[in-house]
Amino acid sequence: MQNVEPWYSVEQIAQHLGISKETIYRWLEKGKLPAHRIGKLWKFKPSEVDDWVRKGQADQSSEKVELR
């Protein structure tokens, strides 16, 4: 039988990445994070999110902070 990858919730993917849920929601608002909407819920395949991070796209989606 084939091993099926689980779907992660917002909370689970935030924990997987070690970041806050607020950051996940910010990325979702910008349409940057690979996600799937199922009804009112956002679901994630960890492998898709990991590939997105490895390609450096998480860095491009983060807020720019100006240091003074």
PDB file of N, CA and C in Angstrom:
ATOM      1  N   MET A   1       0.834  -1.185   0.000  1.00  0.00           N
ATOM      2  CA  MET A   1       0.000   0.000   0.000  1.00  0.00           C
ATOM      3  C   MET A   1       0.884   1.257   0.000  1.00  0.00           C
ATOM      4  N   GLN A   2       0.418   2.270  -0.705  1.00  0.00           N
ATOM      5  CA  GLN A   2       1.180   3.512  -0.849  1.00  0.00           C
ATOM      6  C   GLN A   2       1.097   4.359   0.418  1.00  0.00           C
ATOM      7  N   ASN A   3       2.231   4.944   0.806  1.00  0.00           N
ATOM      8  CA  ASN A   3       2.285   5.825   1.965  1.00  0.00           C
ATOM      9  C   ASN A   3       1.729   7.194   1.569  1.00  0.00           C
ATOM     10  N   VAL A   4       0.666   7.643   2.239  1.00  0.00           N
ATOM     11  CA  VAL A   4       0.008   8.900   1.905  1.00  0.00           C
ATOM     12  C   VAL A   4       0.461   9.991   2.875  1.00  0.00           C
ATOM     13  N   GLU A   5       0.881  11.106   2.315  1.00  0.00           N
ATOM     14  CA  GLU A   5       1.319  12.238   3.132  1.00  0.00           C
ATOM     15  C   GLU A   5       0.109  12.901   3.792  1.00  0.00           C
ATOM     16  N   PRO A   6       0.201  13.211   5.075  1.00  0.00           N
ATOM     17  CA  PRO A   6      -0.937  13.839   5.764  1.00  0.00           C
ATOM     18  C   PRO A   6      -1.090  15.309   5.379  1.00  0.00           C
ATOM     19  N   TRP A   7      -2.289  15.824   5.561  1.00  0.00           N
ATOM     20  CA  TRP A   7      -2.545  17.257   5.426  1.00  0.00           C
ATOM     21  C   TRP A   7      -2.302  17.902   6.773  1.00  0.00           C
ATOM     22  N   TYR A   8      -1.673  19.065   6.772  1.00  0.00           N
ATOM     23  CA  TYR A   8      -1.404  19.808   8.006  1.00  0.00           C
ATOM     24  C   TYR A   8      -2.343  21.007   8.088  1.00  0.00           C
ATOM     25  N   SER A   9      -2.700  21.370   9.312  1.00  0.00           N
ATOM     26  CA  SER A   9      -3.486  22.573   9.571  1.00  0.00           C
ATOM     27  C   SER A   9      -2.539  23.770   9.671  1.00  0.00           C
ATOM     28  N   VAL A  10      -3.106  24.953   9.829  1.00  0.00           N
ATOM     29  CA  VAL A  10      -2.292  26.161  10.016  1.00  0.00           C
ATOM     30  C   VAL A  10      -1.400  25.992  11.239  1.00  0.00           C
ATOM     31  N   GLU A  11      -1.976  25.507  12.326  1.00  0.00           N
ATOM     32  CA  GLU A  11      -1.208  25.321  13.558  1.00  0.00           C
ATOM     33  C   GLU A  11      -0.065  24.330  13.363  1.00  0.00           C
ATOM     34  N   GLN A  12      -0.353  23.236  12.686  1.00  0.00           N
ATOM     35  CA  GLN A  12       0.662  22.197  12.486  1.00  0.00           C
ATOM     36  C   GLN A  12       1.784  22.671  11.570  1.00  0.00           C
ATOM     37  N   ILE A  13       1.449  23.394  10.496  1.00  0.00           N
ATOM     38  CA  ILE A  13       2.503  23.839   9.578  1.00  0.00           C
ATOM     39  C   ILE A  13       3.342  24.936  10.232  1.00  0.00           C
ATOM     40  N   ALA A  14       2.711  25.769  11.070  1.00  0.00           N
ATOM     41  CA  ALA A  14       3.474  26.784  11.808  1.00  0.00           C
ATOM     42  C   ALA A  14       4.458  26.109  12.758  1.00  0.00           C
ATOM     43  N   GLN A  15       3.997  25.084  13.450  1.00  0.00           N
ATOM     44  CA  GLN A  15       4.883  24.345  14.360  1.00  0.00           C
ATOM     45  C   GLN A  15       5.986  23.635  13.570  1.00  0.00           C
ATOM     46  N   HIS A  16       5.635  23.055  12.436  1.00  0.00           N
ATOM     47  CA  HIS A  16       6.599  22.361  11.575  1.00  0.00           C
ATOM     48  C   HIS A  16       7.734  23.307  11.158  1.00  0.00           C
ATOM     49  N   LEU A  17       7.373  24.558  10.847  1.00  0.00           N
ATOM     50  CA  LEU A  17       8.363  25.547  10.411  1.00  0.00           C
ATOM     51  C   LEU A  17       8.996  26.315  11.563  1.00  0.00           C
ATOM     52  N   GLY A  18       8.410  26.202  12.745  1.00  0.00           N
ATOM     53  CA  GLY A  18       8.942  26.919  13.903  1.00  0.00           C
ATOM     54  C   GLY A  18       8.651  28.403  13.862  1.00  0.00           C
ATOM     55  N   ILE A  19       7.490  28.773  13.321  1.00  0.00           N
ATOM     56  CA  ILE A  19       7.101  30.178  13.229  1.00  0.00           C
ATOM     57  C   ILE A  19       5.697  30.343  13.794  1.00  0.00           C
ATOM     58  N   SER A  20       5.224  31.576  13.845  1.00  0.00           N
ATOM     59  CA  SER A  20       3.902  31.836  14.410  1.00  0.00           C
ATOM     60  C   SER A  20       2.794  31.600  13.379  1.00  0.00           C
ATOM     61  N   LYS A  21       1.586  31.367  13.884  1.00  0.00           N
ATOM     62  CA  LYS A  21       0.417  31.241  13.015  1.00  0.00           C
ATOM     63  C   LYS A  21       0.166  32.546  12.273  1.00  0.00           C
ATOM     64  N   GLU A  22       0.474  33.651  12.915  1.00  0.00           N
ATOM     65  CA  GLU A  22       0.268  34.963  12.289  1.00  0.00           C
ATOM     66  C   GLU A  22       1.102  35.100  11.013  1.00  0.00           C
ATOM     67  N   THR A  23       2.325  34.591  11.042  1.00  0.00           N
ATOM     68  CA  THR A  23       3.174  34.626   9.846  1.00  0.00           C
ATOM     69  C   THR A  23       2.560  33.784   8.737  1.00  0.00           C
ATOM     70  N   ILE A  24       2.047  32.611   9.092  1.00  0.00           N
ATOM     71  CA  ILE A  24       1.376  31.757   8.097  1.00  0.00           C
ATOM     72  C   ILE A  24       0.217  32.515   7.466  1.00  0.00           C
ATOM     73  N   TYR A  25      -0.641  33.126   8.286  1.00  0.00           N
ATOM     74  CA  TYR A  25      -1.789  33.872   7.755  1.00  0.00           C
ATOM     75  C   TYR A  25      -1.353  35.054   6.893  1.00  0.00           C
ATOM     76  N   ARG A  26      -0.265  35.720   7.265  1.00  0.00           N
ATOM     77  CA  ARG A  26       0.251  36.834   6.455  1.00  0.00           C
ATOM     78  C   ARG A  26       0.672  36.328   5.071  1.00  0.00           C
ATOM     79  N   TRP A  27       1.385  35.196   5.046  1.00  0.00           N
ATOM     80  CA  TRP A  27       1.800  34.620   3.767  1.00  0.00           C
ATOM     81  C   TRP A  27       0.590  34.191   2.944  1.00  0.00           C
ATOM     82  N   LEU A  28      -0.427  33.652   3.598  1.00  0.00           N
ATOM     83  CA  LEU A  28      -1.642  33.246   2.887  1.00  0.00           C
ATOM     84  C   LEU A  28      -2.334  34.456   2.269  1.00  0.00           C
ATOM     85  N   GLU A  29      -2.402  35.560   2.999  1.00  0.00           N
ATOM     86  CA  GLU A  29      -3.017  36.780   2.482  1.00  0.00           C
ATOM     87  C   GLU A  29      -2.303  37.279   1.233  1.00  0.00           C
ATOM     88  N   LYS A  30      -0.991  37.112   1.213  1.00  0.00           N
ATOM     89  CA  LYS A  30      -0.191  37.556   0.064  1.00  0.00           C
ATOM     90  C   LYS A  30      -0.210  36.536  -1.074  1.00  0.00           C
ATOM     91  N   GLY A  31      -0.791  35.364  -0.839  1.00  0.00           N
ATOM     92  CA  GLY A  31      -0.844  34.330  -1.874  1.00  0.00           C
ATOM     93  C   GLY A  31       0.495  33.694  -2.155  1.00  0.00           C
ATOM     94  N   LYS A  32       1.383  33.717  -1.176  1.00  0.00           N
ATOM     95  CA  LYS A  32       2.746  33.231  -1.384  1.00  0.00           C
ATOM     96  C   LYS A  32       2.926  31.761  -1.003  1.00  0.00           C
ATOM     97  N   LEU A  33       2.287  31.332   0.053  1.00  0.00           N
ATOM     98  CA  LEU A  33       2.505  30.006   0.622  1.00  0.00           C
ATOM     99  C   LEU A  33       1.707  28.956  -0.144  1.00  0.00           C
ATOM    100  N   PRO A  34       2.314  27.823  -0.522  1.00  0.00           N
ATOM    101  CA  PRO A  34       1.551  26.774  -1.195  1.00  0.00           C
ATOM    102  C   PRO A  34       0.554  26.151  -0.219  1.00  0.00           C
ATOM    103  N   ALA A  35      -0.730  26.370  -0.489  1.00  0.00           N
ATOM    104  CA  ALA A  35      -1.785  25.908   0.409  1.00  0.00           C
ATOM    105  C   ALA A  35      -3.019  25.531  -0.400  1.00  0.00           C
ATOM    106  N   HIS A  36      -3.905  24.805   0.243  1.00  0.00           N
ATOM    107  CA  HIS A  36      -5.147  24.363  -0.380  1.00  0.00           C
ATOM    108  C   HIS A  36      -6.293  24.721   0.547  1.00  0.00           C
ATOM    109  N   ARG A  37      -7.307  25.351   0.013  1.00  0.00           N
ATOM    110  CA  ARG A  37      -8.470  25.726   0.817  1.00  0.00           C
ATOM    111  C   ARG A  37      -9.503  24.611   0.712  1.00  0.00           C
ATOM    112  N   ILE A  38      -9.906  24.107   1.856  1.00  0.00           N
ATOM    113  CA  ILE A  38     -10.923  23.067   1.918  1.00  0.00           C
ATOM    114  C   ILE A  38     -12.042  23.625   2.797  1.00  0.00           C
ATOM    115  N   GLY A  39     -13.108  24.088   2.166  1.00  0.00           N
ATOM    116  CA  GLY A  39     -14.149  24.775   2.917  1.00  0.00           C
ATOM    117  C   GLY A  39     -13.590  26.065   3.470  1.00  0.00           C
ATOM    118  N   LYS A  40     -13.694  26.239   4.789  1.00  0.00           N
ATOM    119  CA  LYS A  40     -13.151  27.434   5.439  1.00  0.00           C
ATOM    120  C   LYS A  40     -11.736  27.212   5.963  1.00  0.00           C
ATOM    121  N   LEU A  41     -11.221  26.011   5.817  1.00  0.00           N
ATOM    122  CA  LEU A  41      -9.923  25.666   6.395  1.00  0.00           C
ATOM    123  C   LEU A  41      -8.813  25.701   5.356  1.00  0.00           C
ATOM    124  N   TRP A  42      -7.628  26.101   5.799  1.00  0.00           N
ATOM    125  CA  TRP A  42      -6.422  26.012   4.981  1.00  0.00           C
ATOM    126  C   TRP A  42      -5.705  24.722   5.347  1.00  0.00           C
ATOM    127  N   LYS A  43      -5.263  23.982   4.336  1.00  0.00           N
ATOM    128  CA  LYS A  43      -4.520  22.745   4.552  1.00  0.00           C
ATOM    129  C   LYS A  43      -3.235  22.786   3.732  1.00  0.00           C
ATOM    130  N   PHE A  44      -2.238  22.096   4.247  1.00  0.00           N
ATOM    131  CA  PHE A  44      -0.899  22.145   3.652  1.00  0.00           C
ATOM    132  C   PHE A  44      -0.319  20.746   3.539  1.00  0.00           C
ATOM    133  N   LYS A  45       0.409  20.506   2.452  1.00  0.00           N
ATOM    134  CA  LYS A  45       1.226  19.301   2.316  1.00  0.00           C
ATOM    135  C   LYS A  45       2.628  19.706   2.766  1.00  0.00           C
ATOM    136  N   PRO A  46       3.147  19.088   3.821  1.00  0.00           N
ATOM    137  CA  PRO A  46       4.473  19.476   4.324  1.00  0.00           C
ATOM    138  C   PRO A  46       5.558  19.456   3.244  1.00  0.00           C
ATOM    139  N   SER A  47       5.506  18.493   2.342  1.00  0.00           N
ATOM    140  CA  SER A  47       6.538  18.418   1.299  1.00  0.00           C
ATOM    141  C   SER A  47       6.494  19.628   0.375  1.00  0.00           C
ATOM    142  N   GLU A  48       5.293  20.144   0.062  1.00  0.00           N
ATOM    143  CA  GLU A  48       5.174  21.330  -0.789  1.00  0.00           C
ATOM    144  C   GLU A  48       5.740  22.560  -0.083  1.00  0.00           C
ATOM    145  N   VAL A  49       5.423  22.685   1.209  1.00  0.00           N
ATOM    146  CA  VAL A  49       5.916  23.828   1.980  1.00  0.00           C
ATOM    147  C   VAL A  49       7.434  23.742   2.147  1.00  0.00           C
ATOM    148  N   ASP A  50       7.948  22.542   2.410  1.00  0.00           N
ATOM    149  CA  ASP A  50       9.401  22.361   2.540  1.00  0.00           C
ATOM    150  C   ASP A  50      10.122  22.730   1.242  1.00  0.00           C
ATOM    151  N   ASP A  51       9.572  22.316   0.091  1.00  0.00           N
ATOM    152  CA  ASP A  51      10.166  22.673  -1.206  1.00  0.00           C
ATOM    153  C   ASP A  51      10.161  24.190  -1.408  1.00  0.00           C
ATOM    154  N   TRP A  52       9.061  24.829  -1.026  1.00  0.00           N
ATOM    155  CA  TRP A  52       8.920  26.274  -1.136  1.00  0.00           C
ATOM    156  C   TRP A  52       9.986  26.986  -0.304  1.00  0.00           C
ATOM    157  N   VAL A  53      10.216  26.489   0.906  1.00  0.00           N
ATOM    158  CA  VAL A  53      11.239  27.070   1.783  1.00  0.00           C
ATOM    159  C   VAL A  53      12.627  26.853   1.192  1.00  0.00           C
ATOM    160  N   ARG A  54      12.908  25.639   0.729  1.00  0.00           N
ATOM    161  CA  ARG A  54      14.227  25.319   0.153  1.00  0.00           C
ATOM    162  C   ARG A  54      14.553  26.189  -1.052  1.00  0.00           C
ATOM    163  N   LYS A  55      13.536  26.550  -1.817  1.00  0.00           N
ATOM    164  CA  LYS A  55      13.747  27.385  -3.004  1.00  0.00           C
ATOM    165  C   LYS A  55      13.966  28.854  -2.647  1.00  0.00           C
ATOM    166  N   GLY A  56      13.906  29.175  -1.359  1.00  0.00           N
ATOM    167  CA  GLY A  56      14.159  30.532  -0.911  1.00  0.00           C
ATOM    168  C   GLY A  56      12.957  31.448  -0.993  1.00  0.00           C
ATOM    169  N   GLN A  57      11.786  30.900  -1.267  1.00  0.00           N
ATOM    170  CA  GLN A  57      10.606  31.745  -1.428  1.00  0.00           C
ATOM    171  C   GLN A  57      10.060  32.247  -0.098  1.00  0.00           C
ATOM    172  N   ALA A  58      10.352  31.582   0.989  1.00  0.00           N
ATOM    173  CA  ALA A  58       9.905  32.058   2.299  1.00  0.00           C
ATOM    174  C   ALA A  58      10.618  33.359   2.634  1.00  0.00           C
ATOM    175  N   ASP A  59      11.887  33.470   2.263  1.00  0.00           N
ATOM    176  CA  ASP A  59      12.655  34.680   2.522  1.00  0.00           C
ATOM    177  C   ASP A  59      12.093  35.856   1.736  1.00  0.00           C
ATOM    178  N   GLN A  60      11.665  35.605   0.503  1.00  0.00           N
ATOM    179  CA  GLN A  60      11.105  36.653  -0.337  1.00  0.00           C
ATOM    180  C   GLN A  60       9.748  37.120   0.173  1.00  0.00           C
ATOM    181  N   SER A  61       9.041  36.264   0.938  1.00  0.00           N
ATOM    182  CA  SER A  61       7.710  36.607   1.425  1.00  0.00           C
ATOM    183  C   SER A  61       7.737  37.324   2.752  1.00  0.00           C
ATOM    184  N   SER A  62       8.886  37.316   3.419  1.00  0.00           N
ATOM    185  CA  SER A  62       8.936  37.914   4.746  1.00  0.00           C
ATOM    186  C   SER A  62       8.918  39.436   4.654  1.00  0.00           C
ATOM    187  N   GLU A  63       8.487  40.043   5.723  1.00  0.00           N
ATOM    188  CA  GLU A  63       8.424  41.498   5.791  1.00  0.00           C
ATOM    189  C   GLU A  63       9.839  42.075   5.779  1.00  0.00           C
ATOM    190  N   LYS A  64      10.019  43.168   5.100  1.00  0.00           N
ATOM    191  CA  LYS A  64      11.303  43.857   5.101  1.00  0.00           C
ATOM    192  C   LYS A  64      11.352  44.761   6.324  1.00  0.00           C
ATOM    193  N   VAL A  65      12.395  44.631   7.089  1.00  0.00           N
ATOM    194  CA  VAL A  65      12.564  45.439   8.293  1.00  0.00           C
ATOM    195  C   VAL A  65      13.682  46.422   8.031  1.00  0.00           C
ATOM    196  N   GLU A  66      13.383  47.680   8.245  1.00  0.00           N
ATOM    197  CA  GLU A  66      14.385  48.714   8.039  1.00  0.00           C
ATOM    198  C   GLU A  66      15.098  48.994   9.359  1.00  0.00           C
ATOM    199  N   LEU A  67      16.406  48.860   9.358  1.00  0.00           N
ATOM    200  CA  LEU A  67      17.199  49.128  10.555  1.00  0.00           C
ATOM    201  C   LEU A  67      17.706  50.558  10.496  1.00  0.00           C
ATOM    202  N   ARG A  68      17.666  51.212  11.632  1.00  0.00           N
ATOM    203  CA  ARG A  68      18.137  52.610  11.679  1.00  0.00           C
ATOM    204  C   ARG A  68      19.266  52.727  12.638  1.00  0.00           C
TER     205      ARG A  68
END
